[in-house]
Amino acid sequence: MEFLNILLLVFIIVCAVAVSLTKNLFTSIVIFMSQSLAMSIIWIMLESPDLAVTEAAVGAGITSLLLFVTLKKIHAIDQQKKGATSHGQDQE
């Protein structure tokens, strides 16, 4: 049991550093989701199932979903800018 605790804590620290250093936004969101799921496991091991469910639902679920939607909208805006730039070049 002690080994699992240490392994989960190291995993959470590695995830926190990886989210900070990763340049790809999609990868950052996936790592963030993994960290949140690991935190849920820790809450279960601490015999706090209400916090575990909340962490899984809010941290890994809703927050990650909102980040994915935001990422999709950012790429849509970038594609619109590229389209507007190409149309502007056609007129010249």
PDB file of N, CA and C in Angstrom:
ATOM      1  N   MET A   1       0.822  -1.191   0.000  1.00  0.00           N
ATOM      2  CA  MET A   1       0.000   0.000   0.000  1.00  0.00           C
ATOM      3  C   MET A   1       0.869   1.259   0.000  1.00  0.00           C
ATOM      4  N   GLU A   2       1.956   1.214   0.751  1.00  0.00           N
ATOM      5  CA  GLU A   2       2.878   2.353   0.806  1.00  0.00           C
ATOM      6  C   GLU A   2       3.468   2.635  -0.579  1.00  0.00           C
ATOM      7  N   PHE A   3       3.797   1.570  -1.299  1.00  0.00           N
ATOM      8  CA  PHE A   3       4.367   1.736  -2.640  1.00  0.00           C
ATOM      9  C   PHE A   3       3.373   2.418  -3.577  1.00  0.00           C
ATOM     10  N   LEU A   4       2.110   2.046  -3.493  1.00  0.00           N
ATOM     11  CA  LEU A   4       1.081   2.652  -4.341  1.00  0.00           C
ATOM     12  C   LEU A   4       0.905   4.136  -4.021  1.00  0.00           C
ATOM     13  N   ASN A   5       0.963   4.487  -2.748  1.00  0.00           N
ATOM     14  CA  ASN A   5       0.876   5.899  -2.359  1.00  0.00           C
ATOM     15  C   ASN A   5       2.013   6.708  -2.962  1.00  0.00           C
ATOM     16  N   ILE A   6       3.216   6.197  -2.836  1.00  0.00           N
ATOM     17  CA  ILE A   6       4.384   6.900  -3.381  1.00  0.00           C
ATOM     18  C   ILE A   6       4.291   6.985  -4.894  1.00  0.00           C
ATOM     19  N   LEU A   7       3.874   5.903  -5.525  1.00  0.00           N
ATOM     20  CA  LEU A   7       3.747   5.891  -6.983  1.00  0.00           C
ATOM     21  C   LEU A   7       2.731   6.931  -7.462  1.00  0.00           C
ATOM     22  N   LEU A   8       1.594   7.017  -6.804  1.00  0.00           N
ATOM     23  CA  LEU A   8       0.577   8.000  -7.185  1.00  0.00           C
ATOM     24  C   LEU A   8       1.050   9.433  -6.955  1.00  0.00           C
ATOM     25  N   LEU A   9       1.733   9.674  -5.852  1.00  0.00           N
ATOM     26  CA  LEU A   9       2.246  11.020  -5.590  1.00  0.00           C
ATOM     27  C   LEU A   9       3.296  11.434  -6.617  1.00  0.00           C
ATOM     28  N   VAL A  10       4.180  10.513  -6.967  1.00  0.00           N
ATOM     29  CA  VAL A  10       5.183  10.805  -8.001  1.00  0.00           C
ATOM     30  C   VAL A  10       4.491  11.052  -9.338  1.00  0.00           C
ATOM     31  N   PHE A  11       3.474  10.257  -9.646  1.00  0.00           N
ATOM     32  CA  PHE A  11       2.736  10.435 -10.897  1.00  0.00           C
ATOM     33  C   PHE A  11       2.080  11.809 -10.957  1.00  0.00           C
ATOM     34  N   ILE A  12       1.502  12.255  -9.859  1.00  0.00           N
ATOM     35  CA  ILE A  12       0.849  13.569  -9.826  1.00  0.00           C
ATOM     36  C   ILE A  12       1.872  14.687  -9.999  1.00  0.00           C
ATOM     37  N   ILE A  13       3.030  14.548  -9.372  1.00  0.00           N
ATOM     38  CA  ILE A  13       4.079  15.564  -9.529  1.00  0.00           C
ATOM     39  C   ILE A  13       4.583  15.601 -10.963  1.00  0.00           C
ATOM     40  N   VAL A  14       4.789  14.434 -11.556  1.00  0.00           N
ATOM     41  CA  VAL A  14       5.237  14.370 -12.954  1.00  0.00           C
ATOM     42  C   VAL A  14       4.185  14.982 -13.875  1.00  0.00           C
ATOM     43  N   CYS A  15       2.925  14.704 -13.621  1.00  0.00           N
ATOM     44  CA  CYS A  15       1.850  15.291 -14.435  1.00  0.00           C
ATOM     45  C   CYS A  15       1.830  16.810 -14.313  1.00  0.00           C
ATOM     46  N   ALA A  16       2.004  17.324 -13.103  1.00  0.00           N
ATOM     47  CA  ALA A  16       1.994  18.775 -12.900  1.00  0.00           C
ATOM     48  C   ALA A  16       3.134  19.440 -13.660  1.00  0.00           C
ATOM     49  N   VAL A  17       4.307  18.844 -13.622  1.00  0.00           N
ATOM     50  CA  VAL A  17       5.452  19.399 -14.351  1.00  0.00           C
ATOM     51  C   VAL A  17       5.230  19.267 -15.855  1.00  0.00           C
ATOM     52  N   ALA A  18       4.703  18.127 -16.286  1.00  0.00           N
ATOM     53  CA  ALA A  18       4.484  17.901 -17.722  1.00  0.00           C
ATOM     54  C   ALA A  18       3.459  18.868 -18.296  1.00  0.00           C
ATOM     55  N   VAL A  19       2.402  19.157 -17.554  1.00  0.00           N
ATOM     56  CA  VAL A  19       1.396  20.118 -18.029  1.00  0.00           C
ATOM     57  C   VAL A  19       2.037  21.488 -18.216  1.00  0.00           C
ATOM     58  N   SER A  20       2.925  21.845 -17.313  1.00  0.00           N
ATOM     59  CA  SER A  20       3.576  23.154 -17.397  1.00  0.00           C
ATOM     60  C   SER A  20       4.555  23.244 -18.560  1.00  0.00           C
ATOM     61  N   LEU A  21       5.202  22.143 -18.888  1.00  0.00           N
ATOM     62  CA  LEU A  21       6.254  22.174 -19.904  1.00  0.00           C
ATOM     63  C   LEU A  21       5.783  21.799 -21.306  1.00  0.00           C
ATOM     64  N   THR A  22       4.631  21.173 -21.423  1.00  0.00           N
ATOM     65  CA  THR A  22       4.138  20.725 -22.719  1.00  0.00           C
ATOM     66  C   THR A  22       3.639  21.910 -23.530  1.00  0.00           C
ATOM     67  N   LYS A  23       4.043  21.954 -24.794  1.00  0.00           N
ATOM     68  CA  LYS A  23       3.633  23.057 -25.664  1.00  0.00           C
ATOM     69  C   LYS A  23       2.341  22.747 -26.416  1.00  0.00           C
ATOM     70  N   ASN A  24       2.044  21.476 -26.606  1.00  0.00           N
ATOM     71  CA  ASN A  24       0.826  21.069 -27.300  1.00  0.00           C
ATOM     72  C   ASN A  24      -0.350  21.148 -26.323  1.00  0.00           C
ATOM     73  N   LEU A  25      -1.350  21.951 -26.657  1.00  0.00           N
ATOM     74  CA  LEU A  25      -2.478  22.157 -25.749  1.00  0.00           C
ATOM     75  C   LEU A  25      -3.305  20.895 -25.546  1.00  0.00           C
ATOM     76  N   PHE A  26      -3.498  20.111 -26.604  1.00  0.00           N
ATOM     77  CA  PHE A  26      -4.268  18.874 -26.498  1.00  0.00           C
ATOM     78  C   PHE A  26      -3.594  17.917 -25.513  1.00  0.00           C
ATOM     79  N   THR A  27      -2.281  17.788 -25.630  1.00  0.00           N
ATOM     80  CA  THR A  27      -1.530  16.917 -24.728  1.00  0.00           C
ATOM     81  C   THR A  27      -1.625  17.410 -23.287  1.00  0.00           C
ATOM     82  N   SER A  28      -1.581  18.715 -23.106  1.00  0.00           N
ATOM     83  CA  SER A  28      -1.702  19.282 -21.758  1.00  0.00           C
ATOM     84  C   SER A  28      -3.045  18.929 -21.122  1.00  0.00           C
ATOM     85  N   ILE A  29      -4.098  18.971 -21.911  1.00  0.00           N
ATOM     86  CA  ILE A  29      -5.429  18.651 -21.382  1.00  0.00           C
ATOM     87  C   ILE A  29      -5.511  17.178 -20.991  1.00  0.00           C
ATOM     88  N   VAL A  30      -4.946  16.304 -21.808  1.00  0.00           N
ATOM     89  CA  VAL A  30      -4.972  14.870 -21.501  1.00  0.00           C
ATOM     90  C   VAL A  30      -4.164  14.583 -20.232  1.00  0.00           C
ATOM     91  N   ILE A  31      -3.019  15.235 -20.089  1.00  0.00           N
ATOM     92  CA  ILE A  31      -2.209  15.050 -18.882  1.00  0.00           C
ATOM     93  C   ILE A  31      -2.956  15.579 -17.660  1.00  0.00           C
ATOM     94  N   PHE A  32      -3.607  16.724 -17.806  1.00  0.00           N
ATOM     95  CA  PHE A  32      -4.401  17.288 -16.709  1.00  0.00           C
ATOM     96  C   PHE A  32      -5.505  16.321 -16.290  1.00  0.00           C
ATOM     97  N   MET A  33      -6.147  15.689 -17.267  1.00  0.00           N
ATOM     98  CA  MET A  33      -7.207  14.733 -16.974  1.00  0.00           C
ATOM     99  C   MET A  33      -6.638  13.520 -16.226  1.00  0.00           C
ATOM    100  N   SER A  34      -5.466  13.068 -16.636  1.00  0.00           N
ATOM    101  CA  SER A  34      -4.824  11.939 -15.956  1.00  0.00           C
ATOM    102  C   SER A  34      -4.484  12.282 -14.513  1.00  0.00           C
ATOM    103  N   GLN A  35      -4.002  13.496 -14.300  1.00  0.00           N
ATOM    104  CA  GLN A  35      -3.681  13.935 -12.946  1.00  0.00           C
ATOM    105  C   GLN A  35      -4.943  13.962 -12.081  1.00  0.00           C
ATOM    106  N   SER A  36      -6.020  14.416 -12.637  1.00  0.00           N
ATOM    107  CA  SER A  36      -7.266  14.484 -11.888  1.00  0.00           C
ATOM    108  C   SER A  36      -7.781  13.087 -11.529  1.00  0.00           C
ATOM    109  N   LEU A  37      -7.642  12.148 -12.449  1.00  0.00           N
ATOM    110  CA  LEU A  37      -8.057  10.775 -12.151  1.00  0.00           C
ATOM    111  C   LEU A  37      -7.172  10.153 -11.075  1.00  0.00           C
ATOM    112  N   ALA A  38      -5.878  10.461 -11.101  1.00  0.00           N
ATOM    113  CA  ALA A  38      -4.982   9.967 -10.051  1.00  0.00           C
ATOM    114  C   ALA A  38      -5.364  10.559  -8.699  1.00  0.00           C
ATOM    115  N   MET A  39      -5.757  11.821  -8.696  1.00  0.00           N
ATOM    116  CA  MET A  39      -6.217  12.438  -7.447  1.00  0.00           C
ATOM    117  C   MET A  39      -7.484  11.754  -6.937  1.00  0.00           C
ATOM    118  N   SER A  40      -8.342  11.328  -7.848  1.00  0.00           N
ATOM    119  CA  SER A  40      -9.551  10.597  -7.439  1.00  0.00           C
ATOM    120  C   SER A  40      -9.186   9.295  -6.738  1.00  0.00           C
ATOM    121  N   ILE A  41      -8.190   8.614  -7.268  1.00  0.00           N
ATOM    122  CA  ILE A  41      -7.742   7.362  -6.643  1.00  0.00           C
ATOM    123  C   ILE A  41      -7.190   7.635  -5.248  1.00  0.00           C
ATOM    124  N   ILE A  42      -6.434   8.722  -5.122  1.00  0.00           N
ATOM    125  CA  ILE A  42      -5.892   9.072  -3.801  1.00  0.00           C
ATOM    126  C   ILE A  42      -7.015   9.365  -2.813  1.00  0.00           C
ATOM    127  N   TRP A  43      -8.049  10.082  -3.251  1.00  0.00           N
ATOM    128  CA  TRP A  43      -9.171  10.378  -2.357  1.00  0.00           C
ATOM    129  C   TRP A  43      -9.876   9.092  -1.931  1.00  0.00           C
ATOM    130  N   ILE A  44      -9.978   8.122  -2.846  1.00  0.00           N
ATOM    131  CA  ILE A  44     -10.586   6.834  -2.480  1.00  0.00           C
ATOM    132  C   ILE A  44      -9.727   6.123  -1.439  1.00  0.00           C
ATOM    133  N   MET A  45      -8.406   6.163  -1.632  1.00  0.00           N
ATOM    134  CA  MET A  45      -7.504   5.516  -0.676  1.00  0.00           C
ATOM    135  C   MET A  45      -7.548   6.196   0.693  1.00  0.00           C
ATOM    136  N   LEU A  46      -7.867   7.477   0.721  1.00  0.00           N
ATOM    137  CA  LEU A  46      -8.008   8.205   1.984  1.00  0.00           C
ATOM    138  C   LEU A  46      -9.414   8.058   2.573  1.00  0.00           C
ATOM    139  N   GLU A  47     -10.193   7.152   1.978  1.00  0.00           N
ATOM    140  CA  GLU A  47     -11.552   6.846   2.430  1.00  0.00           C
ATOM    141  C   GLU A  47     -12.457   8.072   2.417  1.00  0.00           C
ATOM    142  N   SER A  48     -12.379   8.797   1.326  1.00  0.00           N
ATOM    143  CA  SER A  48     -13.240   9.960   1.137  1.00  0.00           C
ATOM    144  C   SER A  48     -13.894   9.869  -0.242  1.00  0.00           C
ATOM    145  N   PRO A  49     -14.880   8.989  -0.377  1.00  0.00           N
ATOM    146  CA  PRO A  49     -15.471   8.751  -1.694  1.00  0.00           C
ATOM    147  C   PRO A  49     -16.214   9.953  -2.266  1.00  0.00           C
ATOM    148  N   ASP A  50     -16.754  10.809  -1.411  1.00  0.00           N
ATOM    149  CA  ASP A  50     -17.453  11.984  -1.923  1.00  0.00           C
ATOM    150  C   ASP A  50     -16.490  12.921  -2.652  1.00  0.00           C
ATOM    151  N   LEU A  51     -15.302  13.116  -2.097  1.00  0.00           N
ATOM    152  CA  LEU A  51     -14.299  13.939  -2.776  1.00  0.00           C
ATOM    153  C   LEU A  51     -13.777  13.255  -4.040  1.00  0.00           C
ATOM    154  N   ALA A  52     -13.678  11.932  -4.005  1.00  0.00           N
ATOM    155  CA  ALA A  52     -13.207  11.198  -5.177  1.00  0.00           C
ATOM    156  C   ALA A  52     -14.167  11.368  -6.349  1.00  0.00           C
ATOM    157  N   VAL A  53     -15.449  11.244  -6.071  1.00  0.00           N
ATOM    158  CA  VAL A  53     -16.450  11.409  -7.133  1.00  0.00           C
ATOM    159  C   VAL A  53     -16.452  12.843  -7.646  1.00  0.00           C
ATOM    160  N   THR A  54     -16.338  13.800  -6.736  1.00  0.00           N
ATOM    161  CA  THR A  54     -16.312  15.204  -7.149  1.00  0.00           C
ATOM    162  C   THR A  54     -15.088  15.501  -7.997  1.00  0.00           C
ATOM    163  N   GLU A  55     -13.936  14.997  -7.586  1.00  0.00           N
ATOM    164  CA  GLU A  55     -12.700  15.213  -8.356  1.00  0.00           C
ATOM    165  C   GLU A  55     -12.809  14.591  -9.743  1.00  0.00           C
ATOM    166  N   ALA A  56     -13.360  13.390  -9.817  1.00  0.00           N
ATOM    167  CA  ALA A  56     -13.501  12.730 -11.114  1.00  0.00           C
ATOM    168  C   ALA A  56     -14.494  13.467 -12.000  1.00  0.00           C
ATOM    169  N   ALA A  57     -15.607  13.888 -11.418  1.00  0.00           N
ATOM    170  CA  ALA A  57     -16.643  14.549 -12.219  1.00  0.00           C
ATOM    171  C   ALA A  57     -16.226  15.947 -12.651  1.00  0.00           C
ATOM    172  N   VAL A  58     -15.702  16.721 -11.723  1.00  0.00           N
ATOM    173  CA  VAL A  58     -15.365  18.110 -12.035  1.00  0.00           C
ATOM    174  C   VAL A  58     -13.992  18.211 -12.685  1.00  0.00           C
ATOM    175  N   GLY A  59     -12.983  17.612 -12.058  1.00  0.00           N
ATOM    176  CA  GLY A  59     -11.617  17.738 -12.564  1.00  0.00           C
ATOM    177  C   GLY A  59     -11.394  17.032 -13.885  1.00  0.00           C
ATOM    178  N   ALA A  60     -11.722  15.756 -13.928  1.00  0.00           N
ATOM    179  CA  ALA A  60     -11.478  14.984 -15.142  1.00  0.00           C
ATOM    180  C   ALA A  60     -12.610  15.112 -16.145  1.00  0.00           C
ATOM    181  N   GLY A  61     -13.807  15.382 -15.667  1.00  0.00           N
ATOM    182  CA  GLY A  61     -14.960  15.411 -16.559  1.00  0.00           C
ATOM    183  C   GLY A  61     -15.274  16.769 -17.129  1.00  0.00           C
ATOM    184  N   ILE A  62     -15.914  17.590 -16.336  1.00  0.00           N
ATOM    185  CA  ILE A  62     -16.438  18.868 -16.832  1.00  0.00           C
ATOM    186  C   ILE A  62     -15.325  19.825 -17.240  1.00  0.00           C
ATOM    187  N   THR A  63     -14.296  19.961 -16.399  1.00  0.00           N
ATOM    188  CA  THR A  63     -13.210  20.888 -16.722  1.00  0.00           C
ATOM    189  C   THR A  63     -12.501  20.480 -18.007  1.00  0.00           C
ATOM    190  N   SER A  64     -12.218  19.190 -18.153  1.00  0.00           N
ATOM    191  CA  SER A  64     -11.553  18.725 -19.372  1.00  0.00           C
ATOM    192  C   SER A  64     -12.440  18.934 -20.592  1.00  0.00           C
ATOM    193  N   LEU A  65     -13.727  18.691 -20.441  1.00  0.00           N
ATOM    194  CA  LEU A  65     -14.656  18.912 -21.545  1.00  0.00           C
ATOM    195  C   LEU A  65     -14.658  20.377 -21.963  1.00  0.00           C
ATOM    196  N   LEU A  66     -14.711  21.283 -20.991  1.00  0.00           N
ATOM    197  CA  LEU A  66     -14.681  22.714 -21.311  1.00  0.00           C
ATOM    198  C   LEU A  66     -13.363  23.113 -21.976  1.00  0.00           C
ATOM    199  N   LEU A  67     -12.261  22.535 -21.523  1.00  0.00           N
ATOM    200  CA  LEU A  67     -10.972  22.840 -22.151  1.00  0.00           C
ATOM    201  C   LEU A  67     -10.919  22.322 -23.585  1.00  0.00           C
ATOM    202  N   PHE A  68     -11.472  21.125 -23.835  1.00  0.00           N
ATOM    203  CA  PHE A  68     -11.510  20.596 -25.204  1.00  0.00           C
ATOM    204  C   PHE A  68     -12.371  21.471 -26.112  1.00  0.00           C
ATOM    205  N   VAL A  69     -13.522  21.920 -25.609  1.00  0.00           N
ATOM    206  CA  VAL A  69     -14.397  22.794 -26.402  1.00  0.00           C
ATOM    207  C   VAL A  69     -13.694  24.108 -26.704  1.00  0.00           C
ATOM    208  N   THR A  70     -13.013  24.663 -25.707  1.00  0.00           N
ATOM    209  CA  THR A  70     -12.270  25.905 -25.917  1.00  0.00           C
ATOM    210  C   THR A  70     -11.167  25.709 -26.941  1.00  0.00           C
ATOM    211  N   LEU A  71     -10.467  24.595 -26.859  1.00  0.00           N
ATOM    212  CA  LEU A  71      -9.404  24.301 -27.821  1.00  0.00           C
ATOM    213  C   LEU A  71      -9.966  24.201 -29.230  1.00  0.00           C
ATOM    214  N   LYS A  72     -11.132  23.578 -29.359  1.00  0.00           N
ATOM    215  CA  LYS A  72     -11.763  23.468 -30.672  1.00  0.00           C
ATOM    216  C   LYS A  72     -12.126  24.851 -31.209  1.00  0.00           C
ATOM    217  N   LYS A  73     -12.652  25.706 -30.363  1.00  0.00           N
ATOM    218  CA  LYS A  73     -13.019  27.056 -30.798  1.00  0.00           C
ATOM    219  C   LYS A  73     -11.792  27.875 -31.170  1.00  0.00           C
ATOM    220  N   ILE A  74     -10.704  27.699 -30.463  1.00  0.00           N
ATOM    221  CA  ILE A  74      -9.474  28.424 -30.804  1.00  0.00           C
ATOM    222  C   ILE A  74      -9.000  28.022 -32.191  1.00  0.00           C
ATOM    223  N   HIS A  75      -9.018  26.722 -32.491  1.00  0.00           N
ATOM    224  CA  HIS A  75      -8.591  26.277 -33.819  1.00  0.00           C
ATOM    225  C   HIS A  75      -9.554  26.767 -34.896  1.00  0.00           C
ATOM    226  N   ALA A  76     -10.829  26.841 -34.590  1.00  0.00           N
ATOM    227  CA  ALA A  76     -11.802  27.350 -35.561  1.00  0.00           C
ATOM    228  C   ALA A  76     -11.518  28.811 -35.861  1.00  0.00           C
ATOM    229  N   ILE A  77     -11.161  29.576 -34.852  1.00  0.00           N
ATOM    230  CA  ILE A  77     -10.833  30.988 -35.068  1.00  0.00           C
ATOM    231  C   ILE A  77      -9.576  31.109 -35.914  1.00  0.00           C
ATOM    232  N   ASP A  78      -8.569  30.274 -35.640  1.00  0.00           N
ATOM    233  CA  ASP A  78      -7.336  30.306 -36.429  1.00  0.00           C
ATOM    234  C   ASP A  78      -7.610  29.981 -37.889  1.00  0.00           C
ATOM    235  N   GLN A  79      -8.488  29.015 -38.154  1.00  0.00           N
ATOM    236  CA  GLN A  79      -8.811  28.662 -39.534  1.00  0.00           C
ATOM    237  C   GLN A  79      -9.572  29.789 -40.212  1.00  0.00           C
ATOM    238  N   GLN A  80     -10.420  30.488 -39.470  1.00  0.00           N
ATOM    239  CA  GLN A  80     -11.136  31.625 -40.048  1.00  0.00           C
ATOM    240  C   GLN A  80     -10.164  32.737 -40.412  1.00  0.00           C
ATOM    241  N   LYS A  81      -9.163  32.973 -39.584  1.00  0.00           N
ATOM    242  CA  LYS A  81      -8.168  33.997 -39.886  1.00  0.00           C
ATOM    243  C   LYS A  81      -7.373  33.626 -41.131  1.00  0.00           C
ATOM    244  N   LYS A  82      -7.027  32.354 -41.270  1.00  0.00           N
ATOM    245  CA  LYS A  82      -6.297  31.911 -42.456  1.00  0.00           C
ATOM    246  C   LYS A  82      -7.154  32.091 -43.699  1.00  0.00           C
ATOM    247  N   GLY A  83      -8.451  31.799 -43.581  1.00  0.00           N
ATOM    248  CA  GLY A  83      -9.360  31.973 -44.710  1.00  0.00           C
ATOM    249  C   GLY A  83      -9.501  33.429 -45.091  1.00  0.00           C
ATOM    250  N   ALA A  84      -9.585  34.321 -44.120  1.00  0.00           N
ATOM    251  CA  ALA A  84      -9.704  35.756 -44.392  1.00  0.00           C
ATOM    252  C   ALA A  84      -8.428  36.283 -45.024  1.00  0.00           C
ATOM    253  N   THR A  85      -7.283  35.773 -44.604  1.00  0.00           N
ATOM    254  CA  THR A  85      -6.010  36.205 -45.179  1.00  0.00           C
ATOM    255  C   THR A  85      -5.896  35.759 -46.627  1.00  0.00           C
ATOM    256  N   SER A  86      -6.324  34.550 -46.925  1.00  0.00           N
ATOM    257  CA  SER A  86      -6.223  34.071 -48.303  1.00  0.00           C
ATOM    258  C   SER A  86      -7.194  34.821 -49.213  1.00  0.00           C
ATOM    259  N   HIS A  87      -8.364  35.206 -48.705  1.00  0.00           N
ATOM    260  CA  HIS A  87      -9.302  35.982 -49.512  1.00  0.00           C
ATOM    261  C   HIS A  87      -8.760  37.383 -49.766  1.00  0.00           C
ATOM    262  N   GLY A  88      -8.093  37.942 -48.780  1.00  0.00           N
ATOM    263  CA  GLY A  88      -7.512  39.269 -48.944  1.00  0.00           C
ATOM    264  C   GLY A  88      -6.407  39.274 -49.981  1.00  0.00           C
ATOM    265  N   GLN A  89      -5.669  38.174 -50.122  1.00  0.00           N
ATOM    266  CA  GLN A  89      -4.600  38.086 -51.110  1.00  0.00           C
ATOM    267  C   GLN A  89      -5.170  37.952 -52.508  1.00  0.00           C
ATOM    268  N   ASP A  90      -6.333  37.310 -52.617  1.00  0.00           N
ATOM    269  CA  ASP A  90      -6.947  37.147 -53.932  1.00  0.00           C
ATOM    270  C   ASP A  90      -7.380  38.487 -54.506  1.00  0.00           C
ATOM    271  N   GLN A  91      -7.759  39.430 -53.659  1.00  0.00           N
ATOM    272  CA  GLN A  91      -8.255  40.712 -54.127  1.00  0.00           C
ATOM    273  C   GLN A  91      -7.132  41.610 -54.609  1.00  0.00           C
ATOM    274  N   GLU A  92      -5.910  41.378 -54.168  1.00  0.00           N
ATOM    275  CA  GLU A  92      -4.794  42.239 -54.561  1.00  0.00           C
ATOM    276  C   GLU A  92      -4.340  41.917 -55.908  1.00  0.00           C
TER     277      GLU A  92
END
